[in-house]
Amino acid sequence: MAGAMADDKSTHIGGCLCGAVRYEVRGRLRDVVKCHCTMCQRLHGVFGAHSKAKKSDIRITRDEGLAWYASSERAQRGICRRCGASLFWRPVDQDASGILAGSLDAPSGLKTLGHIFTADKADYYDIDDGLPAFEESSDGGFEGDRL
């Protein structure tokens, strides 16, 4: 089940740390983009590792803890209100939603495509993996980024 190459019939399952939120993605799942923006740093303690799927392909199968936080005018973040796990980044103007890669059950079959918002990166780590990096948004510039 390689992320960017998975066909529209693949299924991925995930959830939060405590199990109060579970979800499944039926369809293509984009490989991981690491976001180094200041919001991701505050929310995750470091960068955010995001996959992505069409909103219509994501189904919440257990919802005893899902809460949505409007982190900006352009997106909401889905977290578990019980354990604090970060699960989703849902933009209001796109038909796809970010999924925190760490919330997917292993094995995910995903790989890392590259980095975004590197101009905001924290000073306590380096980006030295040789993958494509953008100072701001990639605007869909990674291979396999568009669903």
N, C-alpha and C. Protein backbone atom coordinates (compact mmCIF):
# COMPACT_ATOMS: atom_id res chain seq x y z
N MET A 1 0.82 -1.19 0.00
CA MET A 1 0.00 0.00 0.00
C MET A 1 0.87 1.25 0.00
N ALA A 2 1.68 1.48 -0.96
CA ALA A 2 2.49 2.70 -1.02
C ALA A 2 1.57 3.89 -1.21
N GLY A 3 1.76 4.91 -0.39
CA GLY A 3 0.87 6.06 -0.33
C GLY A 3 0.54 6.69 -1.66
N ALA A 4 1.48 7.39 -2.26
CA ALA A 4 1.19 8.14 -3.48
C ALA A 4 0.83 7.22 -4.63
N MET A 5 1.24 5.99 -4.58
CA MET A 5 0.97 5.06 -5.66
C MET A 5 -0.20 4.12 -5.37
N ALA A 6 -0.75 4.18 -4.15
CA ALA A 6 -1.86 3.31 -3.82
C ALA A 6 -3.04 3.61 -4.72
N ASP A 7 -3.75 2.57 -5.13
CA ASP A 7 -4.89 2.81 -6.01
C ASP A 7 -6.10 3.26 -5.21
N ASP A 8 -7.16 3.58 -5.91
CA ASP A 8 -8.36 4.11 -5.27
C ASP A 8 -9.10 3.09 -4.43
N LYS A 9 -8.67 1.83 -4.42
CA LYS A 9 -9.36 0.80 -3.66
C LYS A 9 -8.63 0.44 -2.37
N SER A 10 -7.50 1.08 -2.08
CA SER A 10 -6.76 0.76 -0.86
C SER A 10 -7.48 1.32 0.36
N THR A 11 -7.23 0.71 1.52
CA THR A 11 -7.82 1.15 2.78
C THR A 11 -6.72 1.30 3.81
N HIS A 12 -6.71 2.43 4.49
CA HIS A 12 -5.79 2.70 5.59
C HIS A 12 -6.64 2.99 6.82
N ILE A 13 -6.16 2.57 7.99
CA ILE A 13 -6.88 2.74 9.24
C ILE A 13 -5.98 3.47 10.22
N GLY A 14 -6.58 4.29 11.07
CA GLY A 14 -5.81 5.01 12.07
C GLY A 14 -6.67 5.49 13.21
N GLY A 15 -6.03 6.20 14.13
CA GLY A 15 -6.75 6.73 15.27
C GLY A 15 -5.82 7.40 16.25
N CYS A 16 -6.39 7.78 17.37
CA CYS A 16 -5.65 8.50 18.40
C CYS A 16 -4.96 7.53 19.36
N LEU A 17 -4.26 8.08 20.32
CA LEU A 17 -3.50 7.30 21.30
C LEU A 17 -4.39 6.48 22.21
N CYS A 18 -5.51 7.05 22.67
CA CYS A 18 -6.37 6.36 23.63
C CYS A 18 -7.45 5.49 22.99
N GLY A 19 -7.66 5.63 21.68
CA GLY A 19 -8.66 4.83 20.99
C GLY A 19 -10.04 5.44 20.91
N ALA A 20 -10.21 6.65 21.45
CA ALA A 20 -11.53 7.30 21.42
C ALA A 20 -11.91 7.76 20.02
N VAL A 21 -10.91 7.92 19.14
CA VAL A 21 -11.17 8.29 17.75
C VAL A 21 -10.49 7.27 16.85
N ARG A 22 -11.26 6.72 15.93
CA ARG A 22 -10.73 5.81 14.91
C ARG A 22 -11.30 6.26 13.58
N TYR A 23 -10.53 6.05 12.52
CA TYR A 23 -10.98 6.44 11.19
C TYR A 23 -10.42 5.48 10.16
N GLU A 24 -11.00 5.53 8.98
CA GLU A 24 -10.46 4.78 7.85
C GLU A 24 -10.46 5.67 6.62
N VAL A 25 -9.50 5.41 5.77
CA VAL A 25 -9.39 6.12 4.50
C VAL A 25 -9.54 5.07 3.42
N ARG A 26 -10.59 5.20 2.63
CA ARG A 26 -10.82 4.28 1.51
C ARG A 26 -10.54 5.04 0.23
N GLY A 27 -9.36 4.80 -0.30
CA GLY A 27 -8.92 5.52 -1.49
C GLY A 27 -7.47 5.89 -1.36
N ARG A 28 -7.03 6.70 -2.27
CA ARG A 28 -5.63 7.07 -2.35
C ARG A 28 -5.19 7.93 -1.16
N LEU A 29 -4.02 7.64 -0.65
CA LEU A 29 -3.42 8.37 0.45
C LEU A 29 -2.08 8.92 -0.04
N ARG A 30 -1.92 10.24 0.03
CA ARG A 30 -0.68 10.85 -0.43
C ARG A 30 0.45 10.55 0.54
N ASP A 31 1.67 10.45 0.01
CA ASP A 31 2.84 10.29 0.85
C ASP A 31 3.00 11.51 1.76
N VAL A 32 3.95 11.47 2.67
CA VAL A 32 4.09 12.43 3.75
C VAL A 32 4.85 13.69 3.34
N VAL A 33 4.33 14.83 3.76
CA VAL A 33 5.01 16.12 3.65
C VAL A 33 5.21 16.61 5.09
N LYS A 34 6.45 16.99 5.39
CA LYS A 34 6.77 17.49 6.72
C LYS A 34 6.64 19.01 6.72
N CYS A 35 5.72 19.51 7.55
CA CYS A 35 5.46 20.95 7.64
C CYS A 35 6.18 21.52 8.86
N HIS A 36 7.00 22.53 8.63
CA HIS A 36 7.80 23.14 9.68
C HIS A 36 7.26 24.49 10.13
N CYS A 37 5.99 24.80 9.83
CA CYS A 37 5.41 26.10 10.19
C CYS A 37 5.32 26.23 11.71
N THR A 38 5.15 27.46 12.17
CA THR A 38 5.11 27.70 13.61
C THR A 38 3.88 27.07 14.26
N MET A 39 2.76 26.98 13.53
CA MET A 39 1.57 26.33 14.11
C MET A 39 1.84 24.85 14.35
N CYS A 40 2.46 24.16 13.39
CA CYS A 40 2.79 22.74 13.58
C CYS A 40 3.77 22.57 14.73
N GLN A 41 4.73 23.49 14.85
CA GLN A 41 5.67 23.40 15.97
C GLN A 41 4.95 23.49 17.30
N ARG A 42 4.01 24.41 17.42
CA ARG A 42 3.27 24.57 18.67
C ARG A 42 2.37 23.37 18.96
N LEU A 43 1.75 22.84 17.92
CA LEU A 43 0.82 21.73 18.10
C LEU A 43 1.52 20.40 18.34
N HIS A 44 2.63 20.15 17.62
CA HIS A 44 3.29 18.84 17.69
C HIS A 44 4.58 18.85 18.49
N GLY A 45 5.09 20.04 18.83
CA GLY A 45 6.35 20.12 19.54
C GLY A 45 7.55 20.08 18.61
N VAL A 46 7.30 19.89 17.35
CA VAL A 46 8.30 19.84 16.28
C VAL A 46 7.51 20.00 14.98
N PHE A 47 8.01 19.53 13.86
CA PHE A 47 7.25 19.63 12.60
C PHE A 47 6.07 18.67 12.59
N GLY A 48 5.13 18.91 11.66
CA GLY A 48 4.01 18.00 11.47
C GLY A 48 4.25 17.14 10.24
N ALA A 49 4.07 15.85 10.38
CA ALA A 49 4.23 14.90 9.26
C ALA A 49 2.84 14.56 8.75
N HIS A 50 2.47 15.16 7.59
CA HIS A 50 1.11 15.06 7.08
C HIS A 50 1.01 14.22 5.81
N SER A 51 0.08 13.29 5.83
CA SER A 51 -0.37 12.64 4.61
C SER A 51 -1.60 13.43 4.17
N LYS A 52 -2.29 12.96 3.16
CA LYS A 52 -3.48 13.68 2.69
C LYS A 52 -4.39 12.71 1.94
N ALA A 53 -5.69 12.92 2.06
CA ALA A 53 -6.68 12.13 1.33
C ALA A 53 -7.87 13.02 1.00
N LYS A 54 -8.65 12.60 0.03
CA LYS A 54 -9.88 13.32 -0.27
C LYS A 54 -10.80 13.25 0.94
N LYS A 55 -11.46 14.35 1.25
CA LYS A 55 -12.38 14.38 2.39
C LYS A 55 -13.44 13.30 2.27
N SER A 56 -13.92 13.07 1.06
CA SER A 56 -14.97 12.07 0.84
C SER A 56 -14.48 10.64 1.08
N ASP A 57 -13.16 10.42 1.11
CA ASP A 57 -12.59 9.09 1.35
C ASP A 57 -12.32 8.80 2.83
N ILE A 58 -12.49 9.81 3.69
CA ILE A 58 -12.21 9.66 5.11
C ILE A 58 -13.53 9.43 5.85
N ARG A 59 -13.55 8.36 6.64
CA ARG A 59 -14.75 8.04 7.43
C ARG A 59 -14.35 7.84 8.88
N ILE A 60 -14.97 8.57 9.78
CA ILE A 60 -14.74 8.40 11.21
C ILE A 60 -15.53 7.18 11.65
N THR A 61 -14.86 6.17 12.21
CA THR A 61 -15.53 4.93 12.62
C THR A 61 -15.77 4.86 14.12
N ARG A 62 -15.05 5.67 14.88
CA ARG A 62 -15.29 5.78 16.33
C ARG A 62 -15.06 7.23 16.71
N ASP A 63 -16.09 7.85 17.26
CA ASP A 63 -16.02 9.28 17.55
C ASP A 63 -16.46 9.56 18.99
N GLU A 64 -15.65 9.13 19.93
CA GLU A 64 -15.94 9.43 21.33
C GLU A 64 -15.07 10.58 21.84
N GLY A 65 -14.20 11.12 20.96
CA GLY A 65 -13.31 12.17 21.45
C GLY A 65 -12.91 13.21 20.43
N LEU A 66 -13.40 13.13 19.20
CA LEU A 66 -12.95 14.05 18.16
C LEU A 66 -13.48 15.46 18.41
N ALA A 67 -12.56 16.42 18.38
CA ALA A 67 -12.91 17.83 18.51
C ALA A 67 -12.20 18.59 17.40
N TRP A 68 -12.83 19.65 16.93
CA TRP A 68 -12.26 20.46 15.86
C TRP A 68 -11.91 21.83 16.41
N TYR A 69 -10.70 22.28 16.09
CA TYR A 69 -10.21 23.57 16.51
C TYR A 69 -9.90 24.41 15.27
N ALA A 70 -10.50 25.60 15.18
CA ALA A 70 -10.24 26.49 14.05
C ALA A 70 -8.91 27.21 14.31
N SER A 71 -7.83 26.67 13.78
CA SER A 71 -6.50 27.22 14.03
C SER A 71 -6.23 28.47 13.19
N SER A 72 -7.03 28.68 12.16
CA SER A 72 -6.94 29.88 11.33
C SER A 72 -8.24 30.00 10.55
N GLU A 73 -8.34 31.04 9.75
CA GLU A 73 -9.54 31.21 8.92
C GLU A 73 -9.58 30.19 7.79
N ARG A 74 -8.42 29.60 7.48
CA ARG A 74 -8.39 28.69 6.33
C ARG A 74 -8.42 27.20 6.68
N ALA A 75 -8.30 26.85 7.98
CA ALA A 75 -8.28 25.42 8.31
C ALA A 75 -8.68 25.15 9.75
N GLN A 76 -9.14 23.91 9.97
CA GLN A 76 -9.42 23.39 11.29
C GLN A 76 -8.48 22.23 11.55
N ARG A 77 -8.21 21.98 12.81
CA ARG A 77 -7.39 20.84 13.20
C ARG A 77 -8.24 19.90 14.03
N GLY A 78 -8.18 18.62 13.69
CA GLY A 78 -8.92 17.60 14.41
C GLY A 78 -8.03 16.95 15.44
N ILE A 79 -8.45 17.00 16.70
CA ILE A 79 -7.68 16.42 17.79
C ILE A 79 -8.60 15.55 18.66
N CYS A 80 -8.00 14.67 19.43
CA CYS A 80 -8.77 13.90 20.41
C CYS A 80 -8.82 14.71 21.70
N ARG A 81 -10.01 15.00 22.16
CA ARG A 81 -10.14 15.80 23.38
C ARG A 81 -9.82 14.98 24.63
N ARG A 82 -9.70 13.66 24.51
CA ARG A 82 -9.33 12.83 25.67
C ARG A 82 -7.82 12.75 25.85
N CYS A 83 -7.10 12.37 24.79
CA CYS A 83 -5.65 12.14 24.94
C CYS A 83 -4.80 13.23 24.31
N GLY A 84 -5.42 14.15 23.55
CA GLY A 84 -4.68 15.26 22.96
C GLY A 84 -4.01 14.95 21.63
N ALA A 85 -4.21 13.75 21.11
CA ALA A 85 -3.57 13.37 19.85
C ALA A 85 -4.05 14.25 18.70
N SER A 86 -3.11 14.64 17.85
CA SER A 86 -3.41 15.41 16.65
C SER A 86 -3.68 14.44 15.51
N LEU A 87 -4.80 14.62 14.82
CA LEU A 87 -5.23 13.66 13.81
C LEU A 87 -5.37 14.25 12.41
N PHE A 88 -5.97 15.43 12.29
CA PHE A 88 -6.31 15.98 10.98
C PHE A 88 -5.98 17.45 10.85
N TRP A 89 -5.75 17.88 9.64
CA TRP A 89 -5.67 19.28 9.24
C TRP A 89 -6.63 19.43 8.09
N ARG A 90 -7.78 20.12 8.32
CA ARG A 90 -8.86 20.18 7.34
C ARG A 90 -9.03 21.60 6.81
N PRO A 91 -8.52 21.87 5.58
CA PRO A 91 -8.71 23.20 5.00
C PRO A 91 -10.15 23.39 4.55
N VAL A 92 -10.63 24.62 4.66
CA VAL A 92 -12.02 24.89 4.32
C VAL A 92 -12.24 24.99 2.82
N ASP A 93 -11.20 25.29 2.05
CA ASP A 93 -11.37 25.54 0.62
C ASP A 93 -10.80 24.45 -0.28
N GLN A 94 -10.55 23.27 0.25
CA GLN A 94 -10.02 22.17 -0.56
C GLN A 94 -10.87 20.93 -0.35
N ASP A 95 -10.84 20.02 -1.31
CA ASP A 95 -11.60 18.79 -1.18
C ASP A 95 -10.77 17.67 -0.55
N ALA A 96 -9.58 18.00 -0.04
CA ALA A 96 -8.71 17.03 0.62
C ALA A 96 -8.41 17.50 2.03
N SER A 97 -8.06 16.55 2.89
CA SER A 97 -7.75 16.84 4.28
C SER A 97 -6.42 16.22 4.63
N GLY A 98 -5.62 16.94 5.43
CA GLY A 98 -4.37 16.40 5.93
C GLY A 98 -4.65 15.40 7.03
N ILE A 99 -3.84 14.35 7.06
CA ILE A 99 -3.93 13.32 8.10
C ILE A 99 -2.54 13.19 8.71
N LEU A 100 -2.44 13.31 10.03
CA LEU A 100 -1.15 13.17 10.67
C LEU A 100 -0.67 11.73 10.51
N ALA A 101 0.48 11.58 9.87
CA ALA A 101 0.99 10.25 9.51
C ALA A 101 1.18 9.36 10.73
N GLY A 102 1.53 9.94 11.86
CA GLY A 102 1.71 9.16 13.07
C GLY A 102 0.43 8.57 13.62
N SER A 103 -0.71 9.04 13.15
CA SER A 103 -1.99 8.50 13.62
C SER A 103 -2.45 7.29 12.81
N LEU A 104 -1.73 6.98 11.73
CA LEU A 104 -2.07 5.81 10.91
C LEU A 104 -1.52 4.54 11.54
N ASP A 105 -2.29 3.46 11.46
CA ASP A 105 -1.80 2.17 11.93
C ASP A 105 -0.67 1.70 11.02
N ALA A 106 0.32 1.07 11.61
CA ALA A 106 1.46 0.52 10.85
C ALA A 106 1.10 -0.85 10.30
N PRO A 107 1.64 -1.20 9.18
CA PRO A 107 2.51 -0.39 8.33
C PRO A 107 1.68 0.51 7.42
N SER A 108 2.12 1.74 7.26
CA SER A 108 1.38 2.68 6.42
C SER A 108 1.78 2.56 4.95
N GLY A 109 3.02 2.13 4.70
CA GLY A 109 3.52 2.05 3.33
C GLY A 109 3.88 3.41 2.76
N LEU A 110 3.90 4.45 3.59
CA LEU A 110 4.17 5.80 3.11
C LEU A 110 5.67 6.11 3.14
N LYS A 111 6.04 7.10 2.34
CA LYS A 111 7.41 7.62 2.36
C LYS A 111 7.29 9.14 2.46
N THR A 112 8.41 9.81 2.71
CA THR A 112 8.41 11.26 2.82
C THR A 112 8.70 11.88 1.47
N LEU A 113 7.84 12.82 1.06
CA LEU A 113 8.03 13.55 -0.20
C LEU A 113 8.99 14.72 -0.05
N GLY A 114 8.90 15.44 1.08
CA GLY A 114 9.74 16.61 1.28
C GLY A 114 9.23 17.48 2.41
N HIS A 115 9.62 18.76 2.38
CA HIS A 115 9.40 19.68 3.48
C HIS A 115 8.77 20.98 2.99
N ILE A 116 7.90 21.57 3.84
CA ILE A 116 7.32 22.88 3.54
C ILE A 116 7.51 23.80 4.74
N PHE A 117 7.42 25.10 4.49
CA PHE A 117 7.58 26.14 5.49
C PHE A 117 8.91 26.01 6.24
N THR A 118 9.96 25.70 5.48
CA THR A 118 11.28 25.55 6.09
C THR A 118 11.83 26.86 6.62
N ALA A 119 11.34 27.99 6.13
CA ALA A 119 11.79 29.29 6.64
C ALA A 119 11.41 29.47 8.11
N ASP A 120 10.39 28.74 8.57
CA ASP A 120 9.93 28.82 9.96
C ASP A 120 10.52 27.74 10.86
N LYS A 121 11.33 26.87 10.32
CA LYS A 121 11.86 25.71 11.04
C LYS A 121 12.52 26.12 12.35
N ALA A 122 12.38 25.29 13.37
CA ALA A 122 13.02 25.54 14.66
C ALA A 122 14.54 25.38 14.52
N ASP A 123 15.25 25.97 15.45
CA ASP A 123 16.72 25.96 15.36
C ASP A 123 17.38 24.73 15.97
N TYR A 124 16.63 23.81 16.55
CA TYR A 124 17.23 22.68 17.25
C TYR A 124 17.34 21.40 16.41
N TYR A 125 17.09 21.48 15.12
CA TYR A 125 17.30 20.33 14.24
C TYR A 125 17.65 20.83 12.85
N ASP A 126 18.19 19.92 12.04
CA ASP A 126 18.57 20.23 10.67
C ASP A 126 17.70 19.44 9.70
N ILE A 127 17.53 19.98 8.52
CA ILE A 127 16.88 19.25 7.42
C ILE A 127 18.01 18.89 6.47
N ASP A 128 18.43 17.64 6.51
CA ASP A 128 19.58 17.23 5.71
C ASP A 128 19.36 15.91 4.99
N ASP A 129 18.08 15.63 4.66
CA ASP A 129 17.78 14.36 4.00
C ASP A 129 17.82 14.45 2.48
N GLY A 130 18.08 15.64 1.94
CA GLY A 130 18.19 15.79 0.49
C GLY A 130 16.88 15.82 -0.26
N LEU A 131 15.75 15.79 0.45
CA LEU A 131 14.44 15.82 -0.20
C LEU A 131 14.07 17.26 -0.57
N PRO A 132 13.17 17.44 -1.53
CA PRO A 132 12.75 18.79 -1.91
C PRO A 132 12.23 19.57 -0.71
N ALA A 133 12.56 20.86 -0.66
CA ALA A 133 12.15 21.70 0.45
C ALA A 133 11.71 23.06 -0.09
N PHE A 134 10.64 23.57 0.49
CA PHE A 134 10.08 24.86 0.11
C PHE A 134 10.08 25.78 1.33
N GLU A 135 10.48 27.03 1.15
CA GLU A 135 10.49 27.98 2.25
C GLU A 135 9.08 28.26 2.76
N GLU A 136 8.10 28.17 1.88
CA GLU A 136 6.70 28.34 2.27
C GLU A 136 5.93 27.12 1.76
N SER A 137 4.68 27.29 1.36
CA SER A 137 3.88 26.19 0.84
C SER A 137 4.46 25.68 -0.48
N SER A 138 4.27 24.42 -0.74
CA SER A 138 4.70 23.86 -2.03
C SER A 138 3.65 24.13 -3.11
N ASP A 139 2.44 24.52 -2.72
CA ASP A 139 1.34 24.74 -3.66
C ASP A 139 1.17 23.55 -4.60
N GLY A 140 1.25 22.35 -4.04
CA GLY A 140 1.07 21.14 -4.83
C GLY A 140 2.28 20.77 -5.65
N GLY A 141 3.44 21.29 -5.30
CA GLY A 141 4.64 21.10 -6.10
C GLY A 141 5.37 19.78 -5.94
N PHE A 142 4.96 18.94 -5.02
CA PHE A 142 5.59 17.62 -4.88
C PHE A 142 4.98 16.64 -5.86
N GLU A 143 5.78 15.73 -6.37
CA GLU A 143 5.27 14.67 -7.23
C GLU A 143 4.29 13.82 -6.42
N GLY A 144 3.10 13.61 -6.93
CA GLY A 144 2.07 12.84 -6.23
C GLY A 144 1.30 13.63 -5.20
N ASP A 145 1.52 14.95 -5.13
CA ASP A 145 0.87 15.78 -4.13
C ASP A 145 -0.61 15.99 -4.40
N ARG A 146 -0.97 16.10 -5.66
CA ARG A 146 -2.37 16.35 -6.01
C ARG A 146 -3.13 15.02 -6.09
N LEU A 147 -4.29 14.99 -5.44
CA LEU A 147 -5.09 13.75 -5.43
C LEU A 147 -6.01 13.68 -6.60
